[in-house]
């Protein structure tokens, strides 16, 4: 005898860059280019205590954002190269 379980799943249908508004292509629930996604819940000692902020950036907008940092982001190359900055 076969028994079945009904499963509900969410699949990403579309992703839109919050900065420039460009739609990032999605195929079978997976983005087809680089997307930076942030989810942050603000805590104590913040004016946003209890708020959760979420956004997505296309790779170009991410590059522009970090280009303005006084201290560069730490970049780790997972292809086997050593850590670098910038």
N, C-alpha and C. Protein backbone atom coordinates (compact mmCIF):
# COMPACT_ATOMS: atom_id res chain seq x y z
N UNK A 1 0.84 -1.18 0.00
CA UNK A 1 0.00 0.00 0.00
C UNK A 1 0.89 1.25 0.00
N UNK A 2 0.53 2.23 -0.78
CA UNK A 2 1.28 3.48 -0.86
C UNK A 2 0.61 4.54 0.00
N UNK A 3 1.45 5.27 0.69
CA UNK A 3 0.96 6.40 1.46
C UNK A 3 1.63 7.65 0.93
N UNK A 4 0.88 8.71 0.84
CA UNK A 4 1.39 9.96 0.27
C UNK A 4 1.29 11.09 1.27
N UNK A 5 2.22 12.02 1.14
CA UNK A 5 2.21 13.20 1.97
C UNK A 5 2.12 14.41 1.04
N UNK A 6 1.18 15.29 1.31
CA UNK A 6 1.03 16.51 0.53
C UNK A 6 2.08 17.51 1.00
N UNK A 7 2.89 18.02 0.08
CA UNK A 7 3.93 18.98 0.42
C UNK A 7 3.66 20.30 -0.29
N UNK A 8 3.81 21.36 0.48
CA UNK A 8 3.73 22.70 -0.11
C UNK A 8 5.14 23.26 -0.14
N UNK A 9 5.55 23.75 -1.27
CA UNK A 9 6.87 24.34 -1.39
C UNK A 9 6.76 25.72 -2.01
N UNK A 10 7.67 26.57 -1.60
CA UNK A 10 7.77 27.90 -2.20
C UNK A 10 8.92 27.87 -3.19
N UNK A 11 8.70 28.46 -4.34
CA UNK A 11 9.74 28.56 -5.34
C UNK A 11 9.83 30.02 -5.76
N UNK A 12 11.05 30.52 -5.86
CA UNK A 12 11.25 31.91 -6.28
C UNK A 12 10.75 32.06 -7.70
N UNK A 13 9.87 33.01 -7.89
CA UNK A 13 9.29 33.27 -9.21
C UNK A 13 10.02 34.40 -9.92
N UNK A 14 10.39 35.43 -9.15
CA UNK A 14 11.13 36.55 -9.73
C UNK A 14 11.91 37.26 -8.64
N UNK A 15 12.98 37.92 -9.06
CA UNK A 15 13.80 38.73 -8.16
C UNK A 15 14.01 40.07 -8.85
N UNK A 16 13.78 41.15 -8.11
CA UNK A 16 13.96 42.49 -8.65
C UNK A 16 14.95 43.22 -7.76
N UNK A 17 15.94 43.84 -8.37
CA UNK A 17 16.94 44.61 -7.63
C UNK A 17 16.25 45.79 -6.95
N UNK A 18 16.41 45.90 -5.64
CA UNK A 18 15.78 46.99 -4.90
C UNK A 18 16.35 48.36 -5.26
N UNK A 19 17.56 48.41 -5.77
CA UNK A 19 18.19 49.70 -6.07
C UNK A 19 17.82 50.21 -7.46
N UNK A 20 18.03 49.38 -8.49
CA UNK A 20 17.82 49.86 -9.87
C UNK A 20 16.50 49.38 -10.47
N UNK A 21 15.86 48.38 -9.86
CA UNK A 21 14.57 47.90 -10.35
C UNK A 21 14.66 46.87 -11.46
N UNK A 22 15.88 46.47 -11.82
CA UNK A 22 16.05 45.49 -12.89
C UNK A 22 15.65 44.10 -12.41
N UNK A 23 14.97 43.36 -13.26
CA UNK A 23 14.58 41.99 -12.93
C UNK A 23 15.74 41.04 -13.23
N UNK A 24 16.07 40.21 -12.25
CA UNK A 24 17.13 39.22 -12.40
C UNK A 24 16.47 37.94 -12.92
N UNK A 25 17.00 37.36 -13.99
CA UNK A 25 16.38 36.16 -14.55
C UNK A 25 16.38 35.00 -13.54
N UNK A 26 15.24 34.29 -13.45
CA UNK A 26 15.08 33.14 -12.56
C UNK A 26 14.58 31.97 -13.40
N UNK A 27 15.26 30.81 -13.27
CA UNK A 27 14.85 29.59 -13.98
C UNK A 27 14.73 28.47 -12.95
N UNK A 28 13.58 27.84 -12.91
CA UNK A 28 13.31 26.75 -11.96
C UNK A 28 13.60 27.15 -10.52
N UNK A 29 13.30 28.40 -10.18
CA UNK A 29 13.46 28.86 -8.81
C UNK A 29 14.84 29.35 -8.44
N UNK A 30 15.79 29.34 -9.38
CA UNK A 30 17.16 29.75 -9.10
C UNK A 30 17.56 30.93 -9.97
N UNK A 31 18.19 31.97 -9.36
CA UNK A 31 18.64 33.11 -10.15
C UNK A 31 19.74 32.69 -11.12
N UNK A 32 19.74 33.30 -12.30
CA UNK A 32 20.71 32.96 -13.34
C UNK A 32 21.86 33.95 -13.41
N UNK A 33 21.99 34.79 -12.40
CA UNK A 33 23.15 35.68 -12.26
C UNK A 33 23.29 36.04 -10.79
N UNK A 34 24.41 36.67 -10.47
CA UNK A 34 24.69 36.99 -9.07
C UNK A 34 23.68 37.94 -8.46
N UNK A 35 23.24 37.62 -7.25
CA UNK A 35 22.31 38.45 -6.49
C UNK A 35 22.79 38.51 -5.05
N UNK A 36 22.89 39.72 -4.50
CA UNK A 36 23.21 39.88 -3.09
C UNK A 36 21.90 40.05 -2.34
N UNK A 37 21.63 39.14 -1.40
CA UNK A 37 20.40 39.20 -0.61
C UNK A 37 20.75 39.49 0.84
N UNK A 38 20.04 40.42 1.43
CA UNK A 38 20.26 40.76 2.83
C UNK A 38 18.96 40.62 3.60
N UNK A 39 19.04 40.01 4.76
CA UNK A 39 17.94 39.92 5.72
C UNK A 39 18.53 40.29 7.07
N UNK A 40 18.03 41.34 7.67
CA UNK A 40 18.59 41.79 8.93
C UNK A 40 17.49 42.21 9.88
N UNK A 41 17.54 41.68 11.08
CA UNK A 41 16.60 42.08 12.11
C UNK A 41 17.32 43.00 13.08
N UNK A 42 16.84 44.25 13.16
CA UNK A 42 17.45 45.24 14.03
C UNK A 42 17.15 44.90 15.47
N UNK A 43 18.11 45.17 16.35
CA UNK A 43 17.95 44.83 17.75
C UNK A 43 18.00 46.04 18.66
N UNK A 44 18.29 45.75 19.92
CA UNK A 44 18.38 46.79 20.94
C UNK A 44 19.39 47.85 20.53
N UNK A 45 19.24 49.01 21.09
CA UNK A 45 20.13 50.15 20.88
C UNK A 45 20.06 50.68 19.44
N UNK A 46 18.99 50.38 18.76
CA UNK A 46 18.78 50.87 17.40
C UNK A 46 17.43 51.57 17.36
N UNK A 47 17.31 52.51 16.46
CA UNK A 47 16.02 53.20 16.29
C UNK A 47 15.03 52.32 15.53
N UNK A 48 15.49 51.17 15.06
CA UNK A 48 14.64 50.26 14.28
C UNK A 48 14.40 48.96 15.04
N UNK A 49 14.53 48.97 16.35
CA UNK A 49 14.41 47.78 17.19
C UNK A 49 13.17 46.97 16.81
N UNK A 50 13.38 45.69 16.48
CA UNK A 50 12.27 44.80 16.14
C UNK A 50 11.90 44.79 14.67
N UNK A 51 12.45 45.70 13.88
CA UNK A 51 12.15 45.70 12.45
C UNK A 51 13.07 44.73 11.72
N UNK A 52 12.53 44.05 10.70
CA UNK A 52 13.34 43.18 9.86
C UNK A 52 13.39 43.79 8.47
N UNK A 53 14.60 44.03 7.99
CA UNK A 53 14.79 44.62 6.66
C UNK A 53 15.35 43.55 5.72
N UNK A 54 14.79 43.47 4.52
CA UNK A 54 15.23 42.51 3.51
C UNK A 54 15.32 43.22 2.17
N UNK A 55 16.38 42.90 1.42
CA UNK A 55 16.49 43.46 0.07
C UNK A 55 17.41 42.61 -0.78
N UNK A 56 17.30 42.78 -2.09
CA UNK A 56 18.14 42.11 -3.07
C UNK A 56 18.80 43.16 -3.96
N UNK A 57 20.07 42.91 -4.31
CA UNK A 57 20.79 43.80 -5.21
C UNK A 57 21.38 42.98 -6.35
N UNK A 58 21.28 43.51 -7.57
CA UNK A 58 21.99 42.88 -8.68
C UNK A 58 23.48 43.09 -8.47
N UNK A 59 24.30 42.39 -9.21
CA UNK A 59 25.75 42.46 -8.99
C UNK A 59 26.30 43.87 -9.26
N UNK A 60 25.77 44.55 -10.26
CA UNK A 60 26.24 45.91 -10.57
C UNK A 60 25.95 46.88 -9.42
N UNK A 61 24.76 46.81 -8.88
CA UNK A 61 24.40 47.70 -7.77
C UNK A 61 25.20 47.36 -6.51
N UNK A 62 25.46 46.08 -6.28
CA UNK A 62 26.29 45.67 -5.16
C UNK A 62 27.70 46.25 -5.31
N UNK A 63 28.27 46.13 -6.52
CA UNK A 63 29.61 46.66 -6.77
C UNK A 63 29.66 48.17 -6.53
N UNK A 64 28.63 48.89 -6.96
CA UNK A 64 28.58 50.33 -6.74
C UNK A 64 28.49 50.65 -5.25
N UNK A 65 27.68 49.87 -4.51
CA UNK A 65 27.51 50.12 -3.09
C UNK A 65 28.83 49.92 -2.34
N UNK A 66 29.50 48.80 -2.57
CA UNK A 66 30.73 48.53 -1.82
C UNK A 66 31.89 49.40 -2.31
N UNK A 67 31.77 49.93 -3.53
CA UNK A 67 32.80 50.83 -4.05
C UNK A 67 32.92 52.10 -3.23
N UNK A 68 31.87 52.46 -2.50
CA UNK A 68 31.88 53.66 -1.68
C UNK A 68 32.32 53.41 -0.24
N UNK A 69 32.66 52.19 0.11
CA UNK A 69 33.09 51.88 1.47
C UNK A 69 34.48 52.44 1.74
N UNK A 70 34.69 53.03 2.90
CA UNK A 70 36.02 53.50 3.30
C UNK A 70 36.92 52.31 3.60
N UNK A 71 36.37 51.26 4.16
CA UNK A 71 37.11 50.03 4.44
C UNK A 71 36.56 48.96 3.51
N UNK A 72 37.40 48.42 2.64
CA UNK A 72 36.89 47.45 1.66
C UNK A 72 36.37 46.17 2.32
N UNK A 73 35.46 45.50 1.64
CA UNK A 73 34.94 44.24 2.13
C UNK A 73 36.04 43.18 2.09
N UNK A 74 35.95 42.21 2.96
CA UNK A 74 36.86 41.07 2.91
C UNK A 74 36.32 40.11 1.87
N UNK A 75 37.17 39.69 0.97
CA UNK A 75 36.77 38.77 -0.10
C UNK A 75 37.54 37.48 0.08
N UNK A 76 36.82 36.37 0.16
CA UNK A 76 37.46 35.06 0.25
C UNK A 76 37.20 34.33 -1.06
N UNK A 77 38.25 33.87 -1.68
CA UNK A 77 38.15 33.16 -2.94
C UNK A 77 38.04 31.67 -2.65
N UNK A 78 36.87 31.09 -2.84
CA UNK A 78 36.65 29.67 -2.55
C UNK A 78 37.13 28.75 -3.65
N UNK A 79 37.86 29.30 -4.64
CA UNK A 79 38.41 28.44 -5.69
C UNK A 79 39.78 27.91 -5.32
N UNK A 80 40.26 28.27 -4.12
CA UNK A 80 41.54 27.77 -3.66
C UNK A 80 42.59 28.85 -3.46
N UNK A 81 42.33 30.07 -3.96
CA UNK A 81 43.26 31.17 -3.74
C UNK A 81 43.14 31.67 -2.31
N UNK A 82 44.10 32.48 -1.87
CA UNK A 82 44.08 33.01 -0.51
C UNK A 82 43.15 34.21 -0.41
N UNK A 83 42.83 34.58 0.86
CA UNK A 83 41.97 35.74 1.12
C UNK A 83 42.60 37.00 0.56
N UNK A 84 41.73 37.94 0.17
CA UNK A 84 42.20 39.23 -0.32
C UNK A 84 41.18 40.29 0.07
N UNK A 85 41.54 41.53 -0.09
CA UNK A 85 40.63 42.63 0.17
C UNK A 85 40.32 43.32 -1.14
N UNK A 86 39.04 43.86 -1.20
CA UNK A 86 38.70 44.69 -2.33
C UNK A 86 37.97 43.97 -3.35
